[in-house]
Structure formats: structure tokens, C-alpha cells
C-alpha atoms as a PDB file:
ATOM      1  CA  MET A   1     126.751  88.320  90.397  1.00  0.00           C
ATOM      2  CA  VAL A   2     126.510  90.921  93.106  1.00  0.00           C
ATOM      3  CA  LEU A   3     123.736  89.168  95.061  1.00  0.00           C
ATOM      4  CA  THR A   4     122.676  85.625  95.739  1.00  0.00           C
ATOM      5  CA  GLU A   5     119.352  84.261  94.546  1.00  0.00           C
ATOM      6  CA  ARG A   6     117.993  84.680  98.093  1.00  0.00           C
ATOM      7  CA  GLU A   7     118.559  88.454  98.126  1.00  0.00           C
ATOM      8  CA  LEU A   8     117.309  88.855  94.563  1.00  0.00           C
ATOM      9  CA  ASN A   9     114.105  86.995  95.438  1.00  0.00           C
ATOM     10  CA  GLU A  10     113.551  89.248  98.474  1.00  0.00           C
ATOM     11  CA  ILE A  11     114.023  92.353  96.335  1.00  0.00           C
ATOM     12  CA  PHE A  12     111.758  90.993  93.601  1.00  0.00           C
ATOM     13  CA  ALA A  13     109.038  90.198  96.154  1.00  0.00           C
ATOM     14  CA  HIS A  14     109.256  93.747  97.493  1.00  0.00           C
ATOM     15  CA  ALA A  15     109.058  95.216  93.985  1.00  0.00           C
ATOM     16  CA  GLU A  16     105.996  93.129  93.132  1.00  0.00           C
ATOM     17  CA  GLU A  17     104.261  93.928  96.448  1.00  0.00           C
ATOM     18  CA  ALA A  18     104.837  97.662  95.962  1.00  0.00           C
ATOM     19  CA  TYR A  19     103.530  97.650  92.375  1.00  0.00           C
ATOM     20  CA  PRO A  20     102.216  99.936  90.862  1.00  0.00           C
ATOM     21  CA  GLU A  21     104.463 102.093  93.050  1.00  0.00           C
ATOM     22  CA  GLU A  22     108.239 102.079  93.297  1.00  0.00           C
ATOM     23  CA  ALA A  23     109.871  99.927  95.943  1.00  0.00           C
ATOM     24  CA  CYS A  24     113.216 100.904  97.452  1.00  0.00           C
ATOM     25  CA  GLY A  25     115.710  99.483  99.891  1.00  0.00           C
ATOM     26  CA  ILE A  26     119.282  98.715 100.780  1.00  0.00           C
ATOM     27  CA  VAL A  27     121.423  95.606 101.042  1.00  0.00           C
ATOM     28  CA  ILE A  28     123.922  95.695 103.893  1.00  0.00           C
ATOM     29  CA  GLY A  29     126.786  93.340 104.643  1.00  0.00           C
ATOM     30  CA  LYS A  30     130.512  92.895 104.265  1.00  0.00           C
ATOM     31  CA  PRO A  31     131.477  93.843 100.687  1.00  0.00           C
ATOM     32  CA  GLY A  32     132.521  90.762  98.738  1.00  0.00           C
ATOM     33  CA  ASP A  33     131.004  88.347 101.287  1.00  0.00           C
ATOM     34  CA  PRO A  34     127.463  87.514 100.096  1.00  0.00           C
ATOM     35  CA  SER A  35     126.932  85.212 103.104  1.00  0.00           C
ATOM     36  CA  THR A  36     126.600  88.391 105.230  1.00  0.00           C
ATOM     37  CA  TYR A  37     124.181  90.242 102.937  1.00  0.00           C
ATOM     38  CA  VAL A  38     120.831  91.320 104.355  1.00  0.00           C
ATOM     39  CA  VAL A  39     118.044  93.042 102.401  1.00  0.00           C
ATOM     40  CA  ARG A  40     116.383  95.920 104.217  1.00  0.00           C
ATOM     41  CA  ARG A  41     113.266  97.572 102.837  1.00  0.00           C
ATOM     42  CA  CYS A  42     112.784 101.326 103.039  1.00  0.00           C
ATOM     43  CA  GLY A  43     109.510 103.165 103.050  1.00  0.00           C
ATOM     44  CA  ASN A  44     108.863 105.269  99.954  1.00  0.00           C
ATOM     45  CA  LEU A  45     107.724 108.732 101.010  1.00  0.00           C
ATOM     46  CA  ALA A  46     107.163 110.069  97.485  1.00  0.00           C
ATOM     47  CA  ASN A  47     103.366 110.100  97.868  1.00  0.00           C
ATOM     48  CA  GLN A  48     103.568 112.061 101.128  1.00  0.00           C
ATOM     49  CA  TYR A  49     106.048 114.581  99.701  1.00  0.00           C
ATOM     50  CA  HIS A  50     103.837 115.000  96.634  1.00  0.00           C
ATOM     51  CA  LEU A  51     100.734 115.621  98.766  1.00  0.00           C
ATOM     52  CA  ASP A  52     102.573 118.081 101.009  1.00  0.00           C
ATOM     53  CA  ASP A  53     104.043 120.128  98.151  1.00  0.00           C
ATOM     54  CA  PRO A  54     103.056 119.073  94.606  1.00  0.00           C
ATOM     55  CA  ILE A  55     104.923 122.017  93.083  1.00  0.00           C
ATOM     56  CA  ARG A  56     108.312 121.049  94.514  1.00  0.00           C
ATOM     57  CA  ASN A  57     107.516 117.326  94.331  1.00  0.00           C
ATOM     58  CA  PRO A  58     105.522 116.775  91.131  1.00  0.00           C
ATOM     59  CA  ARG A  59     106.128 113.012  91.062  1.00  0.00           C
ATOM     60  CA  ASP A  60     104.411 110.484  93.279  1.00  0.00           C
ATOM     61  CA  ALA A  61     105.427 106.921  94.191  1.00  0.00           C
ATOM     62  CA  LYS A  62     104.373 105.566  90.794  1.00  0.00           C
ATOM     63  CA  THR A  63     107.334 107.340  89.173  1.00  0.00           C
ATOM     64  CA  ALA A  64     109.691 108.205  92.043  1.00  0.00           C
ATOM     65  CA  TYR A  65     111.052 107.095  95.372  1.00  0.00           C
ATOM     66  CA  ILE A  66     112.145 109.029  98.421  1.00  0.00           C
ATOM     67  CA  MET A  67     113.662 106.767 101.047  1.00  0.00           C
ATOM     68  CA  ASP A  68     112.313 107.310 104.534  1.00  0.00           C
ATOM     69  CA  PRO A  69     115.137 108.952 106.538  1.00  0.00           C
ATOM     70  CA  LYS A  70     114.058 107.034 109.662  1.00  0.00           C
ATOM     71  CA  ASP A  71     114.562 103.774 107.783  1.00  0.00           C
ATOM     72  CA  LEU A  72     117.957 104.931 106.533  1.00  0.00           C
ATOM     73  CA  LEU A  73     119.072 105.774 110.082  1.00  0.00           C
ATOM     74  CA  ARG A  74     117.792 102.447 111.407  1.00  0.00           C
ATOM     75  CA  ILE A  75     119.573 100.517 108.644  1.00  0.00           C
ATOM     76  CA  GLN A  76     122.785 102.503 109.127  1.00  0.00           C
ATOM     77  CA  GLY A  77     122.632 101.742 112.854  1.00  0.00           C
ATOM     78  CA  GLU A  78     122.182  98.034 112.154  1.00  0.00           C
ATOM     79  CA  ALA A  79     125.065  98.089 109.689  1.00  0.00           C
ATOM     80  CA  ASP A  80     127.348  99.898 112.146  1.00  0.00           C
ATOM     81  CA  ALA A  81     126.444  97.518 114.992  1.00  0.00           C
ATOM     82  CA  ASN A  82     127.394  94.506 112.849  1.00  0.00           C
ATOM     83  CA  GLY A  83     130.473  95.920 111.113  1.00  0.00           C
ATOM     84  CA  PHE A  84     128.538  96.022 107.825  1.00  0.00           C
ATOM     85  CA  GLU A  85     128.426  98.549 105.016  1.00  0.00           C
ATOM     86  CA  PHE A  86     125.838  99.589 102.468  1.00  0.00           C
ATOM     87  CA  VAL A  87     126.525  97.193  99.585  1.00  0.00           C
ATOM     88  CA  LEU A  88     123.674  97.929  97.191  1.00  0.00           C
ATOM     89  CA  LEU A  89     120.739 100.285  96.879  1.00  0.00           C
ATOM     90  CA  TYR A  90     117.708  99.078  94.933  1.00  0.00           C
ATOM     91  CA  HIS A  91     114.505 100.471  93.542  1.00  0.00           C
ATOM     92  CA  SER A  92     111.898  99.428  91.010  1.00  0.00           C
ATOM     93  CA  HIS A  93     110.503 100.998  87.860  1.00  0.00           C
ATOM     94  CA  PRO A  94     106.813 100.035  87.561  1.00  0.00           C
ATOM     95  CA  ASP A  95     105.790  99.571  83.927  1.00  0.00           C
ATOM     96  CA  HIS A  96     109.105 101.018  82.733  1.00  0.00           C
ATOM     97  CA  GLU A  97     112.497  99.713  81.720  1.00  0.00           C
ATOM     98  CA  ALA A  98     115.382  99.150  84.155  1.00  0.00           C
ATOM     99  CA  TYR A  99     117.746 102.068  83.590  1.00  0.00           C
ATOM    100  CA  PHE A 100     119.734 104.538  85.669  1.00  0.00           C
ATOM    101  CA  SER A 101     117.791 107.757  85.217  1.00  0.00           C
ATOM    102  CA  GLU A 102     119.011 111.319  85.537  1.00  0.00           C
ATOM    103  CA  THR A 103     117.114 111.503  88.842  1.00  0.00           C
ATOM    104  CA  ASP A 104     118.884 108.333  90.033  1.00  0.00           C
ATOM    105  CA  ARG A 105     122.194 109.973  89.139  1.00  0.00           C
ATOM    106  CA  GLU A 106     121.309 113.184  90.980  1.00  0.00           C
ATOM    107  CA  LEU A 107     120.342 111.219  94.111  1.00  0.00           C
ATOM    108  CA  ALA A 108     123.571 109.214  93.983  1.00  0.00           C
ATOM    109  CA  LEU A 109     125.862 112.252  93.698  1.00  0.00           C
ATOM    110  CA  PHE A 110     126.895 114.999  96.070  1.00  0.00           C
ATOM    111  CA  GLY A 111     128.055 117.677  93.665  1.00  0.00           C
ATOM    112  CA  ASP A 112     130.087 115.752  91.101  1.00  0.00           C
ATOM    113  CA  GLU A 113     131.138 112.959  93.444  1.00  0.00           C
ATOM    114  CA  PRO A 114     129.224 109.802  94.376  1.00  0.00           C
ATOM    115  CA  VAL A 115     127.876 109.777  97.915  1.00  0.00           C
ATOM    116  CA  TRP A 116     128.991 106.125  98.189  1.00  0.00           C
ATOM    117  CA  PRO A 117     131.601 105.394  95.472  1.00  0.00           C
ATOM    118  CA  GLN A 118     131.628 101.635  96.172  1.00  0.00           C
ATOM    119  CA  LEU A 119     127.837 101.257  96.214  1.00  0.00           C
ATOM    120  CA  ARG A 120     126.065  99.360  93.467  1.00  0.00           C
ATOM    121  CA  TYR A 121     122.564 100.267  92.317  1.00  0.00           C
ATOM    122  CA  LEU A 122     120.025  97.667  91.226  1.00  0.00           C
ATOM    123  CA  VAL A 123     117.018  98.771  89.172  1.00  0.00           C
ATOM    124  CA  VAL A 124     114.158  96.307  88.710  1.00  0.00           C
ATOM    125  CA  SER A 125     111.673  96.561  85.843  1.00  0.00           C
ATOM    126  CA  VAL A 126     108.196  95.468  86.977  1.00  0.00           C
ATOM    127  CA  LYS A 127     105.542  95.078  84.312  1.00  0.00           C
ATOM    128  CA  ASN A 128     101.935  94.109  84.997  1.00  0.00           C
ATOM    129  CA  SER A 129     102.846  93.417  88.642  1.00  0.00           C
ATOM    130  CA  LYS A 130     105.636  90.919  87.784  1.00  0.00           C
ATOM    131  CA  VAL A 131     109.383  91.463  87.748  1.00  0.00           C
ATOM    132  CA  SER A 132     110.549  91.447  84.153  1.00  0.00           C
ATOM    133  CA  TYR A 133     114.308  91.983  84.470  1.00  0.00           C
ATOM    134  CA  TYR A 134     116.906  93.970  86.362  1.00  0.00           C
ATOM    135  CA  LYS A 135     120.178  95.803  85.811  1.00  0.00           C
ATOM    136  CA  VAL A 136     123.018  96.733  88.137  1.00  0.00           C
ATOM    137  CA  PHE A 137     124.960  99.993  87.897  1.00  0.00           C
ATOM    138  CA  SER A 138     128.179 101.169  89.522  1.00  0.00           C
ATOM    139  CA  TRP A 139     130.367 104.273  89.502  1.00  0.00           C
ATOM    140  CA  ASP A 140     133.106 104.453  86.875  1.00  0.00           C
ATOM    141  CA  GLY A 141     135.680 106.820  88.350  1.00  0.00           C
ATOM    142  CA  LEU A 142     137.567 107.239  85.079  1.00  0.00           C
ATOM    143  CA  GLU A 143     134.528 108.191  83.004  1.00  0.00           C
ATOM    144  CA  ARG A 144     132.810 109.827  85.997  1.00  0.00           C
ATOM    145  CA  GLN A 145     129.530 108.107  85.127  1.00  0.00           C
ATOM    146  CA  PHE A 146     127.344 105.337  86.465  1.00  0.00           C
ATOM    147  CA  ARG A 147     127.742 102.383  84.137  1.00  0.00           C
ATOM    148  CA  GLU A 148     125.716  99.241  83.671  1.00  0.00           C
ATOM    149  CA  GLU A 149     127.486  96.092  84.788  1.00  0.00           C
ATOM    150  CA  PRO A 150     126.744  93.758  81.856  1.00  0.00           C
ATOM    151  CA  SER A 151     127.656  90.642  83.844  1.00  0.00           C
ATOM    152  CA  ALA A 152     125.080  91.607  86.502  1.00  0.00           C
ATOM    153  CA  VAL A 153     122.028  91.879  84.255  1.00  0.00           C
ATOM    154  CA  GLY A 154     119.275  89.336  84.563  1.00  0.00           C
ATOM    155  CA  GLU A 155     116.193  88.577  82.595  1.00  0.00           C
ATOM    156  CA  LEU A 156     113.413  86.517  84.069  1.00  0.00           C
ATOM    157  CA  ILE A 157     111.421  84.105  82.010  1.00  0.00           C
ATOM    158  CA  GLY A 158     107.797  83.422  82.799  1.00  0.00           C
END
């Protein structure tokens, strides 16, 4: 699995706390060395963007996320200071399935190329305020698509 139980539990707690809105964040560390992984939450500015300009931003935080650029800069600074990289980006889908949407794809690409080719994306399905399951996606350079990593899918019982 991409993450340890500790990181997954931190992400799940964030997703449940944010419900019924989307949670988002980043895991930083040394790729392939889970002992260095650190979960960092990002503020979701979708509500503010929607209020400021509902025409250009028709979705609010219940169906979208916009990571706070200040959080991204802070996390990048922390990563740089520790010799870490962005390992995984996560967000939740309140009362929806865990899938990599067209919007997720658009946010992950710059033109036709991934912004971070090595980055994995974790999507958490949260139903009735509880994490239901999650899926992990990564860039397939041959097919030029984000593909689900079947070995990194988890379903929670309870």
C-alpha cells in the first residue's frame, strides 16, 4: 500500500471532520520510505470562490475543492526544508463514490502532461459522515491516463 495505517487514519479523520464538504491535503516525504510520510491538511477555498464569483465557480465545497495556495506554499517549503517531495494528494467525495473525476484530471494536468507525474491521488468516499472506502490513482504514461491502482483500494467495514 502507498500509505501506512497512521497516514490513512489521519486522512480519514480529516475527511469525516470536513463532511459534508470535501477535505483536501497532501502527504509529503521521501518517495518509497513511508517512515518519512507526513499528512498535511489544506484549506478548501471552494466556498469562498463560489461566493466571490458563482458564475465562474458554480460548485461549492460540497462538490469541489480548491486548495489554499498559502497552504500549498507552506507545505512546499516544509518539504523543501526536509528534502521531501509531494508523495500523494488526497481529497474526499461526500456522499459520492471514490473516483477520479474529469475535474480531478483537469487539476492534475498542465496541458496534456501531469503536473507531478510521480504523484499518487487518493480519493475517499464519505457517506453519512463516515469514510466508506478509498481508491488510489496514478499516471499511466503509456496510456496517458490516470488509472486506479487495484492493489491500493480499501474498503472499510463498520
